[in-house]
Amino acid sequence: MMNLITKLLTPAPQKFHGVMGIFYYVDDAAEAVTQLRKAGHKDLQVFSPVPHHEIEHALEQGPSLVRWVTFGGGLLGATGGFALCWYSIQSWPMVIGGKELFSIPPFTVIGYESMILLAGLANLLGMLALARLPQLKATAPYDPRFQEDKIGIWVPCGPDANARVEQMLKGQGAEEVQVHG
């Protein structure tokens, strides 16, 4: 019984196919990413303790789409808030003191609050979706040193390209290169 529990709590190690290069200097890592992308490797993963703009530039990452998802959520929220006010006045008109039924100033509060709510929710969901979170299955090996001071570059490749990628990473100044698979 205890063996079964131990087996369930400790899953089998995952098999990865590729090469992991570990760098100390940001310049070396950025140059390695540039050279790997020129060689045709597009699905690189970089692990770093802090963001480095040089590496982001080398990966050729454009601006994030989260701001447009947030804008769409805010626009939808404001439209929905004003539509809710308009629908409630149409369905249940309440004439009080001869005031207008359709008045923009009171509708603005509901429209604004709806805009903030949906923009915030769209931002959260857009960020999680574009970051591909939660990641239930690891796609690359991870080393705890990447949280402290090292930069890791994972290059997924087949066994035929392992030696070439290993030499490229060593030539770019990798402190350590690990071949998986």
N, C-alpha and C. Protein backbone atom coordinates (compact mmCIF):
# COMPACT_ATOMS: atom_id res chain seq x y z
N MET A 1 0.82 -1.20 0.00
CA MET A 1 0.00 0.00 0.00
C MET A 1 0.87 1.26 0.00
N MET A 2 1.94 1.24 0.79
CA MET A 2 2.82 2.40 0.87
C MET A 2 3.54 2.63 -0.46
N ASN A 3 3.90 1.54 -1.15
CA ASN A 3 4.56 1.69 -2.45
C ASN A 3 3.64 2.36 -3.46
N LEU A 4 2.36 2.01 -3.42
CA LEU A 4 1.39 2.60 -4.33
C LEU A 4 1.26 4.10 -4.09
N ILE A 5 1.20 4.50 -2.82
CA ILE A 5 1.09 5.92 -2.48
C ILE A 5 2.36 6.66 -2.92
N THR A 6 3.52 6.06 -2.68
CA THR A 6 4.78 6.68 -3.09
C THR A 6 4.84 6.84 -4.61
N LYS A 7 4.37 5.83 -5.33
CA LYS A 7 4.38 5.88 -6.79
C LYS A 7 3.45 6.98 -7.31
N LEU A 8 2.31 7.15 -6.67
CA LEU A 8 1.36 8.18 -7.09
C LEU A 8 1.87 9.59 -6.78
N LEU A 9 2.57 9.73 -5.66
CA LEU A 9 3.05 11.05 -5.26
C LEU A 9 4.32 11.47 -5.98
N THR A 10 5.10 10.53 -6.48
CA THR A 10 6.32 10.87 -7.21
C THR A 10 6.18 10.36 -8.64
N PRO A 11 5.77 11.23 -9.55
CA PRO A 11 5.59 10.80 -10.94
C PRO A 11 6.92 10.46 -11.59
N ALA A 12 6.85 9.70 -12.66
CA ALA A 12 8.05 9.32 -13.40
C ALA A 12 8.68 10.56 -14.02
N PRO A 13 10.00 10.60 -14.09
CA PRO A 13 10.64 11.77 -14.70
C PRO A 13 10.28 11.88 -16.18
N GLN A 14 10.11 13.12 -16.62
CA GLN A 14 9.71 13.34 -18.00
C GLN A 14 10.92 13.24 -18.92
N LYS A 15 10.66 12.83 -20.13
CA LYS A 15 11.71 12.74 -21.15
C LYS A 15 11.67 14.00 -21.99
N PHE A 16 12.79 14.66 -22.11
CA PHE A 16 12.92 15.84 -22.94
C PHE A 16 13.90 15.55 -24.05
N HIS A 17 13.69 16.17 -25.19
CA HIS A 17 14.58 15.99 -26.33
C HIS A 17 15.10 17.35 -26.75
N GLY A 18 16.36 17.61 -26.48
CA GLY A 18 16.94 18.89 -26.85
C GLY A 18 18.22 19.14 -26.10
N VAL A 19 18.66 20.40 -26.14
CA VAL A 19 19.92 20.80 -25.51
C VAL A 19 19.65 22.03 -24.64
N MET A 20 20.20 22.00 -23.43
CA MET A 20 20.08 23.12 -22.49
C MET A 20 21.45 23.76 -22.31
N GLY A 21 21.54 25.04 -22.62
CA GLY A 21 22.77 25.79 -22.39
C GLY A 21 22.59 26.71 -21.21
N ILE A 22 23.58 26.74 -20.33
CA ILE A 22 23.51 27.56 -19.12
C ILE A 22 24.57 28.66 -19.23
N PHE A 23 24.12 29.90 -19.12
CA PHE A 23 24.98 31.07 -19.30
C PHE A 23 25.00 31.90 -18.03
N TYR A 24 26.11 32.64 -17.84
CA TYR A 24 26.20 33.59 -16.74
C TYR A 24 26.01 35.01 -17.24
N TYR A 25 26.53 35.32 -18.41
CA TYR A 25 26.49 36.68 -18.94
C TYR A 25 25.32 36.85 -19.91
N VAL A 26 24.64 37.98 -19.78
CA VAL A 26 23.48 38.28 -20.60
C VAL A 26 23.89 38.45 -22.06
N ASP A 27 25.00 39.10 -22.31
CA ASP A 27 25.45 39.33 -23.68
C ASP A 27 25.70 38.01 -24.41
N ASP A 28 26.32 37.06 -23.71
CA ASP A 28 26.57 35.75 -24.33
C ASP A 28 25.26 35.04 -24.63
N ALA A 29 24.33 35.10 -23.71
CA ALA A 29 23.03 34.44 -23.92
C ALA A 29 22.27 35.08 -25.07
N ALA A 30 22.28 36.41 -25.16
CA ALA A 30 21.58 37.09 -26.25
C ALA A 30 22.22 36.76 -27.59
N GLU A 31 23.53 36.71 -27.64
CA GLU A 31 24.22 36.35 -28.89
C GLU A 31 23.93 34.90 -29.27
N ALA A 32 23.87 34.02 -28.27
CA ALA A 32 23.54 32.62 -28.55
C ALA A 32 22.13 32.50 -29.12
N VAL A 33 21.18 33.23 -28.56
CA VAL A 33 19.81 33.21 -29.08
C VAL A 33 19.78 33.70 -30.52
N THR A 34 20.51 34.78 -30.79
CA THR A 34 20.55 35.32 -32.15
C THR A 34 21.12 34.29 -33.12
N GLN A 35 22.22 33.65 -32.76
CA GLN A 35 22.84 32.66 -33.65
C GLN A 35 21.95 31.43 -33.83
N LEU A 36 21.28 31.00 -32.77
CA LEU A 36 20.39 29.85 -32.88
C LEU A 36 19.20 30.16 -33.79
N ARG A 37 18.66 31.37 -33.67
CA ARG A 37 17.54 31.75 -34.54
C ARG A 37 17.98 31.86 -35.99
N LYS A 38 19.21 32.35 -36.22
CA LYS A 38 19.73 32.40 -37.59
C LYS A 38 19.92 31.00 -38.15
N ALA A 39 20.24 30.03 -37.28
CA ALA A 39 20.44 28.65 -37.71
C ALA A 39 19.12 27.92 -37.94
N GLY A 40 18.00 28.57 -37.62
CA GLY A 40 16.69 27.97 -37.91
C GLY A 40 15.95 27.42 -36.72
N HIS A 41 16.46 27.60 -35.52
CA HIS A 41 15.77 27.13 -34.32
C HIS A 41 14.82 28.22 -33.83
N LYS A 42 13.53 27.95 -33.93
CA LYS A 42 12.53 28.99 -33.61
C LYS A 42 11.85 28.79 -32.26
N ASP A 43 11.79 27.57 -31.75
CA ASP A 43 11.04 27.29 -30.52
C ASP A 43 11.94 27.31 -29.29
N LEU A 44 12.73 28.34 -29.15
CA LEU A 44 13.64 28.45 -28.01
C LEU A 44 12.87 28.87 -26.77
N GLN A 45 13.34 28.40 -25.62
CA GLN A 45 12.81 28.86 -24.34
C GLN A 45 13.98 29.39 -23.53
N VAL A 46 13.81 30.58 -22.96
CA VAL A 46 14.86 31.19 -22.16
C VAL A 46 14.37 31.31 -20.74
N PHE A 47 15.19 30.85 -19.80
CA PHE A 47 14.89 30.93 -18.37
C PHE A 47 15.86 31.93 -17.76
N SER A 48 15.31 32.91 -17.04
CA SER A 48 16.15 33.97 -16.48
C SER A 48 15.54 34.45 -15.17
N PRO A 49 16.38 34.86 -14.22
CA PRO A 49 15.82 35.36 -12.95
C PRO A 49 15.14 36.71 -13.09
N VAL A 50 15.57 37.52 -14.05
CA VAL A 50 14.97 38.84 -14.29
C VAL A 50 14.83 39.04 -15.80
N PRO A 51 13.93 39.92 -16.23
CA PRO A 51 13.81 40.18 -17.67
C PRO A 51 15.05 40.91 -18.19
N HIS A 52 15.47 40.53 -19.36
CA HIS A 52 16.60 41.19 -20.04
C HIS A 52 16.13 41.61 -21.42
N HIS A 53 16.20 42.90 -21.70
CA HIS A 53 15.70 43.41 -22.98
C HIS A 53 16.55 42.92 -24.15
N GLU A 54 17.82 42.67 -23.90
CA GLU A 54 18.67 42.16 -24.98
C GLU A 54 18.18 40.79 -25.46
N ILE A 55 17.78 39.96 -24.51
CA ILE A 55 17.30 38.62 -24.86
C ILE A 55 15.94 38.71 -25.53
N GLU A 56 15.08 39.58 -25.03
CA GLU A 56 13.76 39.77 -25.66
C GLU A 56 13.93 40.24 -27.10
N HIS A 57 14.87 41.14 -27.32
CA HIS A 57 15.13 41.63 -28.67
C HIS A 57 15.69 40.51 -29.55
N ALA A 58 16.57 39.68 -29.00
CA ALA A 58 17.14 38.58 -29.76
C ALA A 58 16.07 37.53 -30.11
N LEU A 59 15.10 37.35 -29.22
CA LEU A 59 14.00 36.40 -29.49
C LEU A 59 13.00 36.97 -30.48
N GLU A 60 13.15 38.26 -30.80
CA GLU A 60 12.27 38.95 -31.75
C GLU A 60 10.81 38.92 -31.30
N GLN A 61 10.62 39.18 -30.00
CA GLN A 61 9.28 39.24 -29.46
C GLN A 61 8.72 40.64 -29.68
N GLY A 62 7.53 40.68 -30.22
CA GLY A 62 6.87 41.96 -30.43
C GLY A 62 6.18 42.42 -29.16
N PRO A 63 5.49 43.53 -29.23
CA PRO A 63 4.75 43.99 -28.05
C PRO A 63 3.63 43.02 -27.70
N SER A 64 3.29 42.98 -26.43
CA SER A 64 2.28 42.06 -25.94
C SER A 64 0.89 42.44 -26.44
N LEU A 65 0.07 41.45 -26.65
CA LEU A 65 -1.31 41.67 -27.09
C LEU A 65 -2.27 41.89 -25.92
N VAL A 66 -1.75 41.79 -24.69
CA VAL A 66 -2.62 41.92 -23.51
C VAL A 66 -3.30 43.28 -23.47
N ARG A 67 -2.62 44.34 -23.89
CA ARG A 67 -3.23 45.66 -23.84
C ARG A 67 -4.44 45.75 -24.75
N TRP A 68 -4.41 45.06 -25.90
CA TRP A 68 -5.57 45.08 -26.80
C TRP A 68 -6.71 44.23 -26.25
N VAL A 69 -6.37 43.15 -25.57
CA VAL A 69 -7.42 42.33 -24.92
C VAL A 69 -8.08 43.15 -23.82
N THR A 70 -7.28 43.89 -23.06
CA THR A 70 -7.82 44.75 -22.00
C THR A 70 -8.70 45.85 -22.59
N PHE A 71 -8.25 46.46 -23.67
CA PHE A 71 -9.05 47.51 -24.33
C PHE A 71 -10.38 46.94 -24.81
N GLY A 72 -10.35 45.75 -25.40
CA GLY A 72 -11.59 45.12 -25.86
C GLY A 72 -12.53 44.82 -24.71
N GLY A 73 -11.99 44.34 -23.60
CA GLY A 73 -12.82 44.08 -22.43
C GLY A 73 -13.42 45.36 -21.87
N GLY A 74 -12.63 46.44 -21.83
CA GLY A 74 -13.14 47.73 -21.34
C GLY A 74 -14.22 48.29 -22.24
N LEU A 75 -14.02 48.18 -23.55
CA LEU A 75 -15.02 48.66 -24.50
C LEU A 75 -16.31 47.86 -24.37
N LEU A 76 -16.18 46.56 -24.25
CA LEU A 76 -17.34 45.70 -24.07
C LEU A 76 -18.06 46.01 -22.75
N GLY A 77 -17.28 46.26 -21.70
CA GLY A 77 -17.87 46.58 -20.40
C GLY A 77 -18.63 47.90 -20.41
N ALA A 78 -18.02 48.93 -21.00
CA ALA A 78 -18.70 50.23 -21.07
C ALA A 78 -19.97 50.14 -21.90
N THR A 79 -19.89 49.46 -23.03
CA THR A 79 -21.07 49.28 -23.88
C THR A 79 -22.15 48.50 -23.13
N GLY A 80 -21.74 47.45 -22.46
CA GLY A 80 -22.70 46.64 -21.70
C GLY A 80 -23.32 47.41 -20.56
N GLY A 81 -22.54 48.24 -19.87
CA GLY A 81 -23.08 49.04 -18.76
C GLY A 81 -24.13 50.04 -19.24
N PHE A 82 -23.82 50.75 -20.33
CA PHE A 82 -24.78 51.71 -20.87
C PHE A 82 -26.02 50.98 -21.42
N ALA A 83 -25.80 49.81 -22.03
CA ALA A 83 -26.93 49.05 -22.55
C ALA A 83 -27.82 48.54 -21.42
N LEU A 84 -27.22 48.15 -20.32
CA LEU A 84 -28.00 47.70 -19.15
C LEU A 84 -28.88 48.84 -18.64
N CYS A 85 -28.32 50.04 -18.54
CA CYS A 85 -29.10 51.19 -18.08
C CYS A 85 -30.23 51.50 -19.07
N TRP A 86 -29.91 51.50 -20.34
CA TRP A 86 -30.92 51.80 -21.37
C TRP A 86 -32.03 50.75 -21.34
N TYR A 87 -31.68 49.48 -21.21
CA TYR A 87 -32.68 48.41 -21.19
C TYR A 87 -33.57 48.52 -19.96
N SER A 88 -32.97 48.83 -18.80
CA SER A 88 -33.79 48.91 -17.58
C SER A 88 -34.76 50.10 -17.64
N ILE A 89 -34.36 51.21 -18.26
CA ILE A 89 -35.27 52.35 -18.41
C ILE A 89 -36.37 52.03 -19.40
N GLN A 90 -36.03 51.32 -20.47
CA GLN A 90 -37.03 50.93 -21.47
C GLN A 90 -38.04 49.95 -20.88
N SER A 91 -37.57 49.01 -20.08
CA SER A 91 -38.45 47.98 -19.54
C SER A 91 -39.29 48.46 -18.37
N TRP A 92 -38.72 49.28 -17.49
CA TRP A 92 -39.42 49.75 -16.31
C TRP A 92 -39.23 51.25 -16.16
N PRO A 93 -39.94 52.04 -16.96
CA PRO A 93 -39.77 53.50 -16.87
C PRO A 93 -40.30 54.03 -15.54
N MET A 94 -39.52 54.88 -14.91
CA MET A 94 -39.92 55.49 -13.64
C MET A 94 -39.78 57.00 -13.79
N VAL A 95 -40.90 57.66 -14.06
CA VAL A 95 -40.89 59.11 -14.20
C VAL A 95 -40.97 59.71 -12.80
N ILE A 96 -39.90 60.43 -12.42
CA ILE A 96 -39.84 61.03 -11.08
C ILE A 96 -39.62 62.52 -11.24
N GLY A 97 -40.57 63.29 -10.85
CA GLY A 97 -40.43 64.74 -10.86
C GLY A 97 -40.26 65.33 -12.25
N GLY A 98 -40.70 64.65 -13.28
CA GLY A 98 -40.61 65.17 -14.64
C GLY A 98 -39.22 65.14 -15.24
N LYS A 99 -38.29 64.40 -14.62
CA LYS A 99 -36.93 64.32 -15.16
C LYS A 99 -36.90 63.43 -16.40
N GLU A 100 -35.87 63.64 -17.20
CA GLU A 100 -35.69 62.81 -18.40
C GLU A 100 -35.44 61.36 -18.00
N LEU A 101 -35.94 60.44 -18.81
CA LEU A 101 -35.65 59.03 -18.56
C LEU A 101 -34.22 58.68 -18.98
N PHE A 102 -33.82 59.15 -20.15
CA PHE A 102 -32.48 58.84 -20.65
C PHE A 102 -31.55 60.01 -20.37
N SER A 103 -30.78 59.86 -19.31
CA SER A 103 -29.86 60.90 -18.90
C SER A 103 -28.45 60.30 -18.78
N ILE A 104 -27.52 60.90 -19.47
CA ILE A 104 -26.16 60.33 -19.52
C ILE A 104 -25.43 60.36 -18.17
N PRO A 105 -25.48 61.42 -17.38
CA PRO A 105 -24.68 61.44 -16.15
C PRO A 105 -24.92 60.25 -15.20
N PRO A 106 -26.16 59.84 -14.91
CA PRO A 106 -26.29 58.69 -14.03
C PRO A 106 -25.84 57.38 -14.70
N PHE A 107 -25.99 57.30 -16.01
CA PHE A 107 -25.57 56.09 -16.72
C PHE A 107 -24.05 55.94 -16.71
N THR A 108 -23.34 57.05 -16.60
CA THR A 108 -21.88 57.03 -16.68
C THR A 108 -21.28 56.21 -15.55
N VAL A 109 -21.86 56.27 -14.36
CA VAL A 109 -21.32 55.52 -13.23
C VAL A 109 -21.38 54.02 -13.51
N ILE A 110 -22.54 53.55 -13.95
CA ILE A 110 -22.69 52.12 -14.25
C ILE A 110 -21.79 51.72 -15.42
N GLY A 111 -21.73 52.55 -16.46
CA GLY A 111 -20.87 52.25 -17.61
C GLY A 111 -19.40 52.19 -17.22
N TYR A 112 -18.97 53.14 -16.37
CA TYR A 112 -17.58 53.18 -15.92
C TYR A 112 -17.24 51.95 -15.09
N GLU A 113 -18.09 51.62 -14.13
CA GLU A 113 -17.82 50.46 -13.27
C GLU A 113 -17.81 49.16 -14.08
N SER A 114 -18.71 49.03 -15.04
CA SER A 114 -18.72 47.84 -15.89
C SER A 114 -17.47 47.77 -16.75
N MET A 115 -17.02 48.93 -17.23
CA MET A 115 -15.80 48.98 -18.02
C MET A 115 -14.60 48.51 -17.20
N ILE A 116 -14.47 49.00 -15.99
CA ILE A 116 -13.35 48.62 -15.13
C ILE A 116 -13.40 47.13 -14.81
N LEU A 117 -14.58 46.61 -14.51
CA LEU A 117 -14.72 45.20 -14.16
C LEU A 117 -14.33 44.30 -15.33
N LEU A 118 -14.90 44.53 -16.50
CA LEU A 118 -14.61 43.66 -17.64
C LEU A 118 -13.20 43.86 -18.17
N ALA A 119 -12.66 45.07 -18.10
CA ALA A 119 -11.27 45.29 -18.53
C ALA A 119 -10.31 44.54 -17.62
N GLY A 120 -10.56 44.57 -16.32
CA GLY A 120 -9.70 43.83 -15.39
C GLY A 120 -9.77 42.33 -15.59
N LEU A 121 -10.98 41.81 -15.78
CA LEU A 121 -11.13 40.37 -16.02
C LEU A 121 -10.52 39.95 -17.35
N ALA A 122 -10.70 40.78 -18.38
CA ALA A 122 -10.11 40.48 -19.69
C ALA A 122 -8.59 40.53 -19.60
N ASN A 123 -8.05 41.46 -18.83
CA ASN A 123 -6.61 41.55 -18.65
C ASN A 123 -6.08 40.29 -17.99
N LEU A 124 -6.72 39.84 -16.94
CA LEU A 124 -6.29 38.63 -16.24
C LEU A 124 -6.35 37.41 -17.16
N LEU A 125 -7.48 37.22 -17.82
CA LEU A 125 -7.62 36.05 -18.70
C LEU A 125 -6.69 36.13 -19.90
N GLY A 126 -6.53 37.33 -20.47
CA GLY A 126 -5.62 37.49 -21.60
C GLY A 126 -4.18 37.21 -21.21
N MET A 127 -3.77 37.70 -20.04
CA MET A 127 -2.41 37.46 -19.57
C MET A 127 -2.16 35.96 -19.35
N LEU A 128 -3.11 35.29 -18.72
CA LEU A 128 -2.94 33.86 -18.48
C LEU A 128 -2.93 33.07 -19.79
N ALA A 129 -3.79 33.43 -20.72
CA ALA A 129 -3.85 32.72 -22.00
C ALA A 129 -2.59 32.95 -22.82
N LEU A 130 -2.13 34.19 -22.91
CA LEU A 130 -0.96 34.48 -23.72
C LEU A 130 0.34 33.98 -23.08
N ALA A 131 0.35 33.83 -21.77
CA ALA A 131 1.51 33.26 -21.09
C ALA A 131 1.43 31.74 -21.03
N ARG A 132 0.35 31.19 -21.56
CA ARG A 132 0.10 29.74 -21.57
C ARG A 132 0.15 29.16 -20.16
N LEU A 133 -0.54 29.85 -19.26
CA LEU A 133 -0.61 29.39 -17.88
C LEU A 133 -2.01 28.89 -17.58
N PRO A 134 -2.20 27.94 -16.75
CA PRO A 134 -1.19 27.17 -16.06
C PRO A 134 -0.57 26.13 -16.99
N GLN A 135 0.71 25.90 -16.81
CA GLN A 135 1.41 24.92 -17.62
C GLN A 135 1.42 23.61 -16.83
N LEU A 136 0.55 22.69 -17.25
CA LEU A 136 0.38 21.45 -16.50
C LEU A 136 1.49 20.45 -16.77
N LYS A 137 2.09 20.52 -17.95
CA LYS A 137 3.16 19.59 -18.30
C LYS A 137 4.38 20.39 -18.73
N ALA A 138 5.51 20.11 -18.11
CA ALA A 138 6.73 20.85 -18.42
C ALA A 138 7.18 20.54 -19.84
N THR A 139 7.61 21.56 -20.56
CA THR A 139 8.08 21.38 -21.94
C THR A 139 9.60 21.44 -22.02
N ALA A 140 10.25 21.75 -20.91
CA ALA A 140 11.71 21.83 -20.89
C ALA A 140 12.19 21.53 -19.47
N PRO A 141 13.41 21.00 -19.34
CA PRO A 141 13.95 20.79 -17.99
C PRO A 141 14.23 22.12 -17.31
N TYR A 142 14.12 22.15 -16.01
CA TYR A 142 14.33 23.39 -15.28
C TYR A 142 15.39 23.18 -14.21
N ASP A 143 16.21 24.18 -14.01
CA ASP A 143 17.29 24.13 -13.03
C ASP A 143 17.05 25.27 -12.03
N PRO A 144 17.11 25.00 -10.73
CA PRO A 144 16.87 26.07 -9.74
C PRO A 144 17.86 27.22 -9.84
N ARG A 145 19.00 27.03 -10.50
CA ARG A 145 19.97 28.12 -10.65
C ARG A 145 19.40 29.26 -11.49
N PHE A 146 18.36 28.98 -12.28
CA PHE A 146 17.76 30.02 -13.12
C PHE A 146 17.00 31.04 -12.28
N GLN A 147 16.77 30.75 -11.02
CA GLN A 147 16.11 31.71 -10.12
C GLN A 147 17.12 32.64 -9.46
N GLU A 148 18.38 32.29 -9.54
CA GLU A 148 19.39 33.06 -8.82
C GLU A 148 20.21 33.95 -9.75
N ASP A 149 21.09 33.33 -10.55
CA ASP A 149 22.00 34.16 -11.32
C ASP A 149 22.34 33.59 -12.70
N LYS A 150 21.76 32.50 -13.09
CA LYS A 150 22.08 31.87 -14.38
C LYS A 150 20.94 32.09 -15.38
N ILE A 151 21.30 31.99 -16.66
CA ILE A 151 20.33 32.10 -17.74
C ILE A 151 20.38 30.79 -18.51
N GLY A 152 19.24 30.18 -18.70
CA GLY A 152 19.17 28.92 -19.43
C GLY A 152 18.49 29.10 -20.77
N ILE A 153 19.04 28.46 -21.78
CA ILE A 153 18.44 28.47 -23.11
C ILE A 153 18.17 27.03 -23.50
N TRP A 154 16.88 26.71 -23.67
CA TRP A 154 16.45 25.37 -24.07
C TRP A 154 16.20 25.37 -25.57
N VAL A 155 16.86 24.45 -26.25
CA VAL A 155 16.71 24.31 -27.70
C VAL A 155 16.13 22.93 -27.96
N PRO A 156 14.83 22.83 -28.26
CA PRO A 156 14.27 21.51 -28.59
C PRO A 156 14.75 21.08 -29.97
N CYS A 157 15.34 19.91 -30.04
CA CYS A 157 15.83 19.39 -31.31
C CYS A 157 15.96 17.87 -31.24
N GLY A 158 16.08 17.28 -32.38
CA GLY A 158 16.22 15.83 -32.47
C GLY A 158 17.65 15.38 -32.22
N PRO A 159 17.84 14.06 -32.12
CA PRO A 159 19.18 13.53 -31.83
C PRO A 159 20.21 13.87 -32.92
N ASP A 160 19.76 14.07 -34.14
CA ASP A 160 20.69 14.38 -35.22
C ASP A 160 21.28 15.79 -35.10
N ALA A 161 20.58 16.70 -34.46
CA ALA A 161 21.06 18.08 -34.33
C ALA A 161 21.68 18.38 -32.97
N ASN A 162 21.66 17.43 -32.05
CA ASN A 162 22.17 17.68 -30.70
C ASN A 162 23.62 18.13 -30.69
N ALA A 163 24.49 17.44 -31.43
CA ALA A 163 25.92 17.76 -31.42
C ALA A 163 26.17 19.15 -32.00
N ARG A 164 25.47 19.51 -33.07
CA ARG A 164 25.65 20.82 -33.70
C ARG A 164 25.21 21.94 -32.75
N VAL A 165 24.05 21.76 -32.10
CA VAL A 165 23.55 22.77 -31.16
C VAL A 165 24.46 22.87 -29.95
N GLU A 166 24.96 21.73 -29.48
CA GLU A 166 25.88 21.74 -28.33
C GLU A 166 27.13 22.55 -28.67
N GLN A 167 27.68 22.36 -29.84
CA GLN A 167 28.87 23.11 -30.25
C GLN A 167 28.57 24.60 -30.40
N MET A 168 27.38 24.92 -30.92
CA MET A 168 27.02 26.34 -31.05
C MET A 168 26.93 27.01 -29.68
N LEU A 169 26.30 26.33 -28.71
CA LEU A 169 26.16 26.91 -27.38
C LEU A 169 27.52 27.06 -26.69
N LYS A 170 28.38 26.06 -26.83
CA LYS A 170 29.72 26.17 -26.23
C LYS A 170 30.51 27.28 -26.90
N GLY A 171 30.34 27.43 -28.20
CA GLY A 171 31.05 28.49 -28.92
C GLY A 171 30.59 29.88 -28.55
N GLN A 172 29.38 29.99 -28.03
CA GLN A 172 28.85 31.30 -27.62
C GLN A 172 29.13 31.63 -26.16
N GLY A 173 29.85 30.76 -25.46
CA GLY A 173 30.23 31.06 -24.09
C GLY A 173 29.39 30.42 -23.02
N ALA A 174 28.73 29.31 -23.33
CA ALA A 174 27.93 28.63 -22.30
C ALA A 174 28.86 28.02 -21.25
N GLU A 175 28.51 28.20 -20.00
CA GLU A 175 29.29 27.61 -18.91
C GLU A 175 29.11 26.10 -18.86
N GLU A 176 27.88 25.68 -19.19
CA GLU A 176 27.54 24.25 -19.13
C GLU A 176 26.51 23.97 -20.20
N VAL A 177 26.65 22.81 -20.83
CA VAL A 177 25.68 22.39 -21.84
C VAL A 177 25.24 20.99 -21.49
N GLN A 178 23.91 20.79 -21.42
CA GLN A 178 23.34 19.49 -21.09
C GLN A 178 22.55 18.99 -22.29
N VAL A 179 22.84 17.77 -22.73
CA VAL A 179 22.11 17.17 -23.85
C VAL A 179 21.09 16.20 -23.27
N HIS A 180 19.84 16.36 -23.66
CA HIS A 180 18.74 15.52 -23.19
C HIS A 180 18.18 14.73 -24.37
N GLY A 181 17.95 13.45 -24.14
CA GLY A 181 17.32 12.60 -25.17
C GLY A 181 18.34 12.10 -26.08
